[in-house]
Amino acid sequence: MKKKLVLALMMVLVASIAFAGFNFSGTARVKYTLDLINGGITPGGYTTVSGDDDGGYSTTGDGAGISPAYFTMNFSNDFYKIAFRETLSDRYNEMDTRAQISLYVDKQLKDIGIELPVTLTATVGNADISGFYAYSDPYGSVDDYYDAFDSNTRNNLPVGFDVGYEGFTARTMFDIVGDEMDPVLSVKGPVVDGVNFAASYLAAATYMGGTSEVNLSATADVAKLAGLDFDFGASIFSIIGFGDTAADPLLLIAVTGGKDDLSAYAQYSLNAPATGIDDSGLYAGVGYTVSKVVSVGADTEYDFTDAVLGYDAYITAKLGGVAYRVLLYGDTEGSAKLEARANIAF
């Protein structure tokens, strides 16, 4: 373990020298959960729907849900970006590295005097590929479990392009597996000022069991459209599968609002997969910013399928670039847990 830590620190040092002049960004997180009913402390970081609740790369076997932390790092300049993500593999205490390179072709050409009427980004790597979405996602249903909703089933050598024009972006990606090329086609942009939409087609989608799917999403800034003096928005996200008659369409509907330091949301979900969020349910929460350092909040969720009411209450403090969070959560089935988390974003 010590050797791995030393090696990781050496890699960061070498990278900082080799990429001098680059912009660095990334995230590091560590989390531990205390079971208040049965006792015991469980580490949890960037695992997945099959293990912890942080979303991301799907794991199975003895290592599912055991990762104590996760780490991402991005190196970028005006012409390209290199992104790394450490994820838990199928074996306990073994990490996989996902990498993706994005080439800003339009900026590279402009540097030699050739100016394109569109933005053009080429992408290659071994990371998950997915389409765009425009859902406000107040409960984290899509963001935390986007790989379960909207990604190719395999992580091989995806390659593709993003083309942007006048606020719209179109994506064409292919996951190359031998002679097979499974496409991901996606587009996003503003319908009118205050309303954004996204649509995607995926040939081998995880949520639909490897069959094709279409997902549609949109968000409306109602406060902006109606000239309100407080925040209010509405959003929708839907997935429709093809070729798998057992797969139900997924639907998420959310409203969000707020005034000054107070915010609130409500979300309804229909036929969301068991891996991720519950099959169908209603979710609501409030948050309050006490100061520049401290914020508090609470959430509730009711699972229609199992008739279980869940709850949580949290406090977050941002100190020296680190966000600390203590969360108490449980449900009417008798579960009660206390979570402590530290998150560094740079």
Protein backbone atom coordinates (compact mmCIF):
# COMPACT_ATOMS: atom_id res chain seq x y z
CA MET A 1 0.00 0.00 0.00
CA LYS A 2 2.84 2.38 0.89
CA LYS A 3 4.58 1.59 -2.39
CA LYS A 4 1.37 2.39 -4.31
CA LEU A 5 1.03 5.70 -2.46
CA VAL A 6 4.64 6.66 -3.17
CA LEU A 7 4.21 5.71 -6.82
CA ALA A 8 1.04 7.80 -7.09
CA LEU A 9 2.78 10.82 -5.54
CA MET A 10 5.73 10.40 -7.92
CA MET A 11 3.35 10.27 -10.89
CA VAL A 12 1.66 13.49 -9.76
CA LEU A 13 5.07 15.16 -9.35
CA VAL A 14 6.28 14.03 -12.76
CA ALA A 15 3.00 15.10 -14.33
CA SER A 16 3.21 18.55 -12.72
CA ILE A 17 6.65 19.03 -14.30
CA ALA A 18 5.79 17.50 -17.68
CA PHE A 19 2.55 19.47 -17.99
CA ALA A 20 3.90 22.79 -16.76
CA GLY A 21 1.72 25.57 -18.14
CA PHE A 22 -1.38 23.40 -18.26
CA ASN A 23 -4.59 23.93 -16.34
CA PHE A 24 -5.19 21.29 -13.69
CA SER A 25 -8.55 20.27 -12.29
CA GLY A 26 -9.98 17.25 -10.58
CA THR A 27 -11.72 15.78 -7.58
CA ALA A 28 -10.72 13.56 -4.68
CA ARG A 29 -13.19 12.13 -2.19
CA VAL A 30 -13.14 9.91 0.85
CA LYS A 31 -16.22 8.72 2.74
CA TYR A 32 -17.01 6.50 5.73
CA THR A 33 -20.43 5.38 6.96
CA LEU A 34 -21.32 4.28 10.48
CA ASP A 35 -24.29 1.90 10.85
CA LEU A 36 -26.12 3.18 13.93
CA ILE A 37 -28.31 0.08 14.21
CA ASN A 38 -25.99 -2.86 13.52
CA GLY A 39 -22.64 -1.19 14.16
CA GLY A 40 -19.62 -1.23 11.91
CA ILE A 41 -17.97 1.32 9.64
CA THR A 42 -18.06 1.00 5.86
CA PRO A 43 -15.75 2.91 3.51
CA GLY A 44 -17.31 4.19 0.32
CA GLY A 45 -16.05 6.24 -2.59
CA TYR A 46 -16.45 6.07 -6.34
CA THR A 47 -18.17 2.72 -6.59
CA THR A 48 -21.55 2.31 -8.22
CA VAL A 49 -25.14 1.37 -8.42
CA SER A 50 -24.23 -2.18 -7.42
CA GLY A 51 -22.31 -1.05 -4.37
CA ASP A 52 -22.38 2.47 -2.98
CA ASP A 53 -24.46 5.50 -3.87
CA ASP A 54 -21.89 7.62 -5.66
CA GLY A 55 -22.68 6.36 -9.13
CA GLY A 56 -20.17 5.71 -11.87
CA TYR A 57 -18.44 2.55 -12.94
CA SER A 58 -20.44 -0.62 -12.31
CA THR A 59 -18.77 -3.22 -10.11
CA THR A 60 -19.58 -6.77 -9.18
CA GLY A 61 -18.07 -9.50 -7.05
CA ASP A 62 -16.30 -9.19 -3.71
CA GLY A 63 -15.17 -5.64 -4.34
CA ALA A 64 -18.55 -4.07 -5.03
CA GLY A 65 -19.10 -1.06 -2.80
CA ILE A 66 -15.75 -1.33 -0.97
CA SER A 67 -13.69 1.49 -2.52
CA PRO A 68 -12.73 3.97 0.24
CA ALA A 69 -12.08 6.89 -2.12
CA TYR A 70 -11.98 8.02 -5.72
CA PHE A 71 -9.79 10.34 -7.71
CA THR A 72 -10.05 12.23 -11.00
CA MET A 73 -7.59 14.57 -12.68
CA ASN A 74 -7.74 16.68 -15.84
CA PHE A 75 -4.88 18.34 -17.74
CA SER A 76 -5.94 20.91 -20.32
CA ASN A 77 -4.79 23.82 -22.44
CA ASP A 78 -6.30 25.73 -25.36
CA PHE A 79 -5.83 22.83 -27.77
CA TYR A 80 -6.58 19.58 -25.96
CA LYS A 81 -7.60 17.97 -22.69
CA ILE A 82 -6.50 14.73 -21.01
CA ALA A 83 -8.86 13.32 -18.37
CA PHE A 84 -8.18 10.45 -15.96
CA ARG A 85 -10.55 8.68 -13.58
CA GLU A 86 -9.74 5.94 -11.10
CA THR A 87 -12.55 3.42 -10.63
CA LEU A 88 -13.00 0.22 -8.69
CA SER A 89 -12.64 -2.92 -10.80
CA ASP A 90 -14.33 -6.29 -10.32
CA ARG A 91 -11.69 -7.44 -7.85
CA TYR A 92 -11.33 -6.16 -4.31
CA ASN A 93 -8.79 -3.38 -3.79
CA GLU A 94 -7.92 -3.16 -7.46
CA MET A 95 -8.36 0.04 -9.42
CA ASP A 96 -8.96 0.63 -13.12
CA THR A 97 -7.84 3.79 -14.87
CA ARG A 98 -10.22 5.34 -17.39
CA ALA A 99 -8.66 7.91 -19.71
CA GLN A 100 -10.03 10.20 -22.38
CA ILE A 101 -8.33 12.63 -24.75
CA SER A 102 -10.25 15.52 -26.29
CA LEU A 103 -8.69 17.40 -29.20
CA TYR A 104 -10.01 20.91 -29.86
CA VAL A 105 -9.58 20.69 -33.62
CA ASP A 106 -11.13 24.08 -34.42
CA LYS A 107 -8.70 25.85 -32.08
CA GLN A 108 -5.73 23.91 -33.46
CA LEU A 109 -6.67 24.93 -37.00
CA LYS A 110 -7.26 28.54 -35.98
CA ASP A 111 -3.74 28.60 -34.55
CA ILE A 112 -2.37 28.06 -38.08
CA GLY A 113 -4.77 30.51 -39.72
CA ILE A 114 -7.68 28.24 -40.63
CA GLU A 115 -10.93 29.30 -38.99
CA LEU A 116 -13.95 26.98 -38.99
CA PRO A 117 -17.56 28.23 -38.74
CA VAL A 118 -18.20 25.60 -36.02
CA THR A 119 -16.47 24.25 -32.95
CA LEU A 120 -15.04 20.77 -33.50
CA THR A 121 -13.79 18.42 -30.78
CA ALA A 122 -12.46 14.92 -31.42
CA THR A 123 -12.50 12.42 -28.54
CA VAL A 124 -10.82 9.06 -28.02
CA GLY A 125 -10.18 6.91 -24.95
CA ASN A 126 -11.34 3.95 -22.89
CA ALA A 127 -13.89 5.77 -20.74
CA ASP A 128 -17.66 5.33 -20.81
CA ILE A 129 -19.40 7.20 -23.61
CA SER A 130 -22.86 8.70 -23.29
CA GLY A 131 -25.19 11.28 -24.70
CA PHE A 132 -26.19 14.73 -23.47
CA TYR A 133 -29.05 15.45 -21.09
CA ALA A 134 -30.78 18.67 -20.06
CA TYR A 135 -32.49 17.49 -16.87
CA SER A 136 -32.10 19.71 -13.80
CA ASP A 137 -31.56 16.58 -11.65
CA PRO A 138 -32.16 18.02 -8.16
CA TYR A 139 -32.04 14.60 -6.46
CA GLY A 140 -28.94 13.40 -8.35
CA SER A 141 -30.87 10.57 -10.01
CA VAL A 142 -29.35 11.03 -13.45
CA ASP A 143 -25.95 12.41 -12.51
CA ASP A 144 -25.18 9.75 -9.90
CA TYR A 145 -26.38 6.88 -12.09
CA TYR A 146 -25.94 8.19 -15.61
CA ASP A 147 -23.90 5.15 -16.61
CA ALA A 148 -26.89 2.98 -15.70
CA PHE A 149 -29.29 5.19 -17.66
CA ASP A 150 -27.37 6.34 -20.67
CA SER A 151 -24.08 4.76 -21.62
CA ASN A 152 -22.68 2.12 -23.87
CA THR A 153 -22.50 -1.30 -22.22
CA ARG A 154 -18.80 -1.66 -22.95
CA ASN A 155 -15.70 0.37 -22.21
CA ASN A 156 -13.45 -0.35 -25.14
CA LEU A 157 -12.14 2.30 -27.50
CA PRO A 158 -14.84 4.94 -28.02
CA VAL A 159 -14.04 7.53 -30.65
CA GLY A 160 -16.09 10.39 -32.03
CA PHE A 161 -16.76 14.08 -32.54
CA ASP A 162 -18.68 16.98 -31.02
CA VAL A 163 -19.72 19.78 -33.39
CA GLY A 164 -21.05 23.06 -31.99
CA TYR A 165 -22.84 25.96 -33.67
CA GLU A 166 -24.82 28.90 -32.24
CA GLY A 167 -25.35 27.29 -28.83
CA PHE A 168 -26.18 23.82 -30.22
CA THR A 169 -23.89 20.81 -29.93
CA ALA A 170 -24.18 17.52 -31.82
CA ARG A 171 -22.29 14.38 -30.79
CA THR A 172 -21.39 11.32 -32.85
CA MET A 173 -19.58 8.58 -30.96
CA PHE A 174 -18.74 4.96 -31.74
CA ASP A 175 -17.71 2.18 -29.38
CA ILE A 176 -15.38 0.03 -31.49
CA VAL A 177 -15.39 -3.69 -30.62
CA GLY A 178 -13.73 -5.74 -33.34
CA ASP A 179 -15.97 -5.42 -36.41
CA GLU A 180 -18.81 -3.84 -34.40
CA MET A 181 -19.35 -0.11 -34.04
CA ASP A 182 -22.16 0.81 -31.64
CA PRO A 183 -23.15 4.45 -32.16
CA VAL A 184 -24.17 7.15 -29.72
CA LEU A 185 -25.90 10.09 -31.40
CA SER A 186 -26.84 13.12 -29.31
CA VAL A 187 -27.76 16.78 -29.60
CA LYS A 188 -28.41 19.58 -27.11
CA GLY A 189 -29.23 23.27 -27.24
CA PRO A 190 -31.70 26.05 -26.43
CA VAL A 191 -35.21 25.91 -27.87
CA VAL A 192 -35.79 29.51 -26.81
CA ASP A 193 -34.09 31.67 -24.23
CA GLY A 194 -34.77 29.92 -20.93
CA VAL A 195 -35.62 26.48 -22.35
CA ASN A 196 -32.95 23.84 -23.08
CA PHE A 197 -33.38 20.37 -24.50
CA ALA A 198 -31.31 17.27 -25.28
CA ALA A 199 -31.96 14.08 -27.24
CA SER A 200 -29.87 10.93 -27.63
CA TYR A 201 -29.91 7.60 -29.43
CA LEU A 202 -27.76 4.77 -28.06
CA ALA A 203 -27.32 1.47 -29.91
CA ALA A 204 -26.24 -0.62 -26.90
CA ALA A 205 -27.59 1.05 -23.79
CA THR A 206 -27.01 -0.27 -20.29
CA TYR A 207 -30.46 0.67 -18.97
CA MET A 208 -32.24 -1.30 -21.70
CA GLY A 209 -30.12 -4.42 -21.21
CA GLY A 210 -27.88 -3.85 -24.20
CA THR A 211 -30.61 -2.93 -26.67
CA SER A 212 -31.08 0.46 -28.28
CA GLU A 213 -32.76 3.41 -26.60
CA VAL A 214 -33.78 7.02 -27.12
CA ASN A 215 -33.73 9.52 -24.27
CA LEU A 216 -35.27 12.97 -24.25
CA SER A 217 -34.88 15.72 -21.65
CA ALA A 218 -35.68 19.41 -21.23
CA THR A 219 -35.46 22.14 -18.62
CA ALA A 220 -37.43 25.39 -18.48
CA ASP A 221 -36.41 28.41 -16.41
CA VAL A 222 -39.98 29.40 -15.55
CA ALA A 223 -38.87 32.33 -13.43
CA LYS A 224 -37.00 33.81 -16.39
CA LEU A 225 -39.84 33.19 -18.83
CA ALA A 226 -42.50 34.64 -16.48
CA GLY A 227 -40.38 37.44 -14.98
CA LEU A 228 -40.63 36.13 -11.40
CA ASP A 229 -38.52 37.58 -8.60
CA PHE A 230 -37.64 34.13 -7.23
CA ASP A 231 -36.12 30.97 -8.71
CA PHE A 232 -38.52 28.47 -10.25
CA GLY A 233 -37.91 25.81 -12.86
CA ALA A 234 -39.39 22.63 -14.33
CA SER A 235 -37.62 19.69 -15.95
CA ILE A 236 -38.29 16.28 -17.50
CA PHE A 237 -36.16 13.26 -18.44
CA SER A 238 -37.39 10.16 -20.27
CA ILE A 239 -35.90 6.97 -21.71
CA ILE A 240 -37.69 4.82 -24.30
CA GLY A 241 -36.19 1.44 -25.16
CA PHE A 242 -36.43 -0.61 -28.35
CA GLY A 243 -36.11 -4.35 -28.82
CA ASP A 244 -36.72 -5.26 -25.16
CA THR A 245 -40.43 -5.49 -24.44
CA ALA A 246 -39.75 -6.10 -20.72
CA ALA A 247 -38.09 -2.71 -20.33
CA ASP A 248 -40.47 -0.02 -19.15
CA PRO A 249 -40.00 3.60 -20.25
CA LEU A 250 -38.36 5.68 -17.55
CA LEU A 251 -39.73 9.08 -16.58
CA LEU A 252 -38.42 11.74 -14.20
CA ILE A 253 -40.21 15.03 -13.57
CA ALA A 254 -38.83 17.75 -11.29
CA VAL A 255 -39.61 21.25 -10.09
CA THR A 256 -37.08 23.46 -8.35
CA GLY A 257 -37.34 26.81 -6.65
CA GLY A 258 -35.80 29.18 -4.19
CA LYS A 259 -35.40 32.66 -2.83
CA ASP A 260 -32.13 34.17 -1.66
CA ASP A 261 -30.42 31.54 0.54
CA LEU A 262 -33.35 29.10 0.61
CA SER A 263 -33.87 26.40 -2.05
CA ALA A 264 -36.27 23.50 -2.51
CA TYR A 265 -37.15 20.77 -5.01
CA ALA A 266 -39.60 17.94 -5.68
CA GLN A 267 -39.16 15.02 -8.07
CA TYR A 268 -41.40 12.21 -9.30
CA SER A 269 -39.89 9.07 -10.82
CA LEU A 270 -41.64 6.32 -12.77
CA ASN A 271 -40.07 2.95 -13.58
CA ALA A 272 -36.53 3.96 -12.68
CA PRO A 273 -34.33 0.83 -12.49
CA ALA A 274 -33.68 -0.83 -9.15
CA THR A 275 -29.98 -0.23 -9.72
CA GLY A 276 -29.71 3.45 -8.92
CA ILE A 277 -32.92 4.90 -7.60
CA ASP A 278 -36.11 3.07 -6.61
CA ASP A 279 -38.60 1.77 -9.18
CA SER A 280 -41.10 4.58 -8.65
CA GLY A 281 -41.16 7.26 -6.00
CA LEU A 282 -41.56 10.83 -4.85
CA TYR A 283 -38.63 12.90 -3.60
CA ALA A 284 -38.45 16.32 -1.98
CA GLY A 285 -35.85 18.42 -0.21
CA VAL A 286 -34.88 21.82 1.13
CA GLY A 287 -31.54 23.55 1.58
CA TYR A 288 -30.37 26.69 3.31
CA THR A 289 -27.08 28.57 3.00
CA VAL A 290 -26.22 29.73 6.50
CA SER A 291 -23.01 31.51 5.49
CA LYS A 292 -20.21 31.35 2.93
CA VAL A 293 -18.87 28.38 4.87
CA VAL A 294 -21.87 26.44 6.18
CA SER A 295 -25.01 25.08 4.53
CA VAL A 296 -27.68 22.69 5.82
CA GLY A 297 -30.46 20.67 4.26
CA ALA A 298 -32.83 17.72 4.43
CA ASP A 299 -34.42 15.30 1.98
CA THR A 300 -37.23 12.76 1.99
CA GLU A 301 -38.07 9.98 -0.45
CA TYR A 302 -41.07 7.68 -0.66
CA ASP A 303 -40.75 4.41 -2.57
CA PHE A 304 -44.14 3.50 -4.05
CA THR A 305 -43.04 -0.04 -4.82
CA ASP A 306 -41.97 -1.03 -1.30
CA ALA A 307 -43.97 1.62 0.62
CA VAL A 308 -40.83 2.80 2.42
CA LEU A 309 -40.18 6.38 3.55
CA GLY A 310 -36.56 7.48 3.62
CA TYR A 311 -35.04 10.60 5.13
CA ASP A 312 -31.77 12.46 5.54
CA ALA A 313 -30.42 15.63 7.12
CA TYR A 314 -26.98 17.07 6.48
CA ILE A 315 -24.57 19.89 7.24
CA THR A 316 -21.76 20.93 4.88
CA ALA A 317 -18.77 23.11 5.70
CA LYS A 318 -16.25 24.41 3.16
CA LEU A 319 -12.84 25.01 4.71
CA GLY A 320 -9.64 25.68 2.81
CA GLY A 321 -10.91 24.27 -0.47
CA VAL A 322 -12.27 21.08 1.15
CA ALA A 323 -16.00 20.40 1.50
CA TYR A 324 -16.82 18.40 4.61
CA ARG A 325 -20.25 16.84 4.98
CA VAL A 326 -21.94 14.97 7.81
CA LEU A 327 -25.15 13.20 6.82
CA LEU A 328 -27.67 11.32 8.94
CA TYR A 329 -30.04 9.10 6.97
CA GLY A 330 -32.40 6.18 7.37
CA ASP A 331 -35.87 4.85 6.57
CA THR A 332 -39.05 3.49 8.11
CA GLU A 333 -37.73 -0.08 7.84
CA GLY A 334 -35.38 0.71 10.72
CA SER A 335 -32.20 1.69 8.93
CA ALA A 336 -30.15 4.55 10.42
CA LYS A 337 -26.66 5.54 9.34
CA LEU A 338 -24.23 8.41 9.84
CA GLU A 339 -21.96 9.40 6.99
CA ALA A 340 -18.83 11.56 7.05
CA ARG A 341 -17.34 12.74 3.77
CA ALA A 342 -14.52 14.99 2.62
CA ASN A 343 -14.45 16.23 -0.97
CA ILE A 344 -11.65 18.19 -2.63
CA ALA A 345 -12.28 19.93 -5.94
CA PHE A 346 -9.37 21.71 -7.62
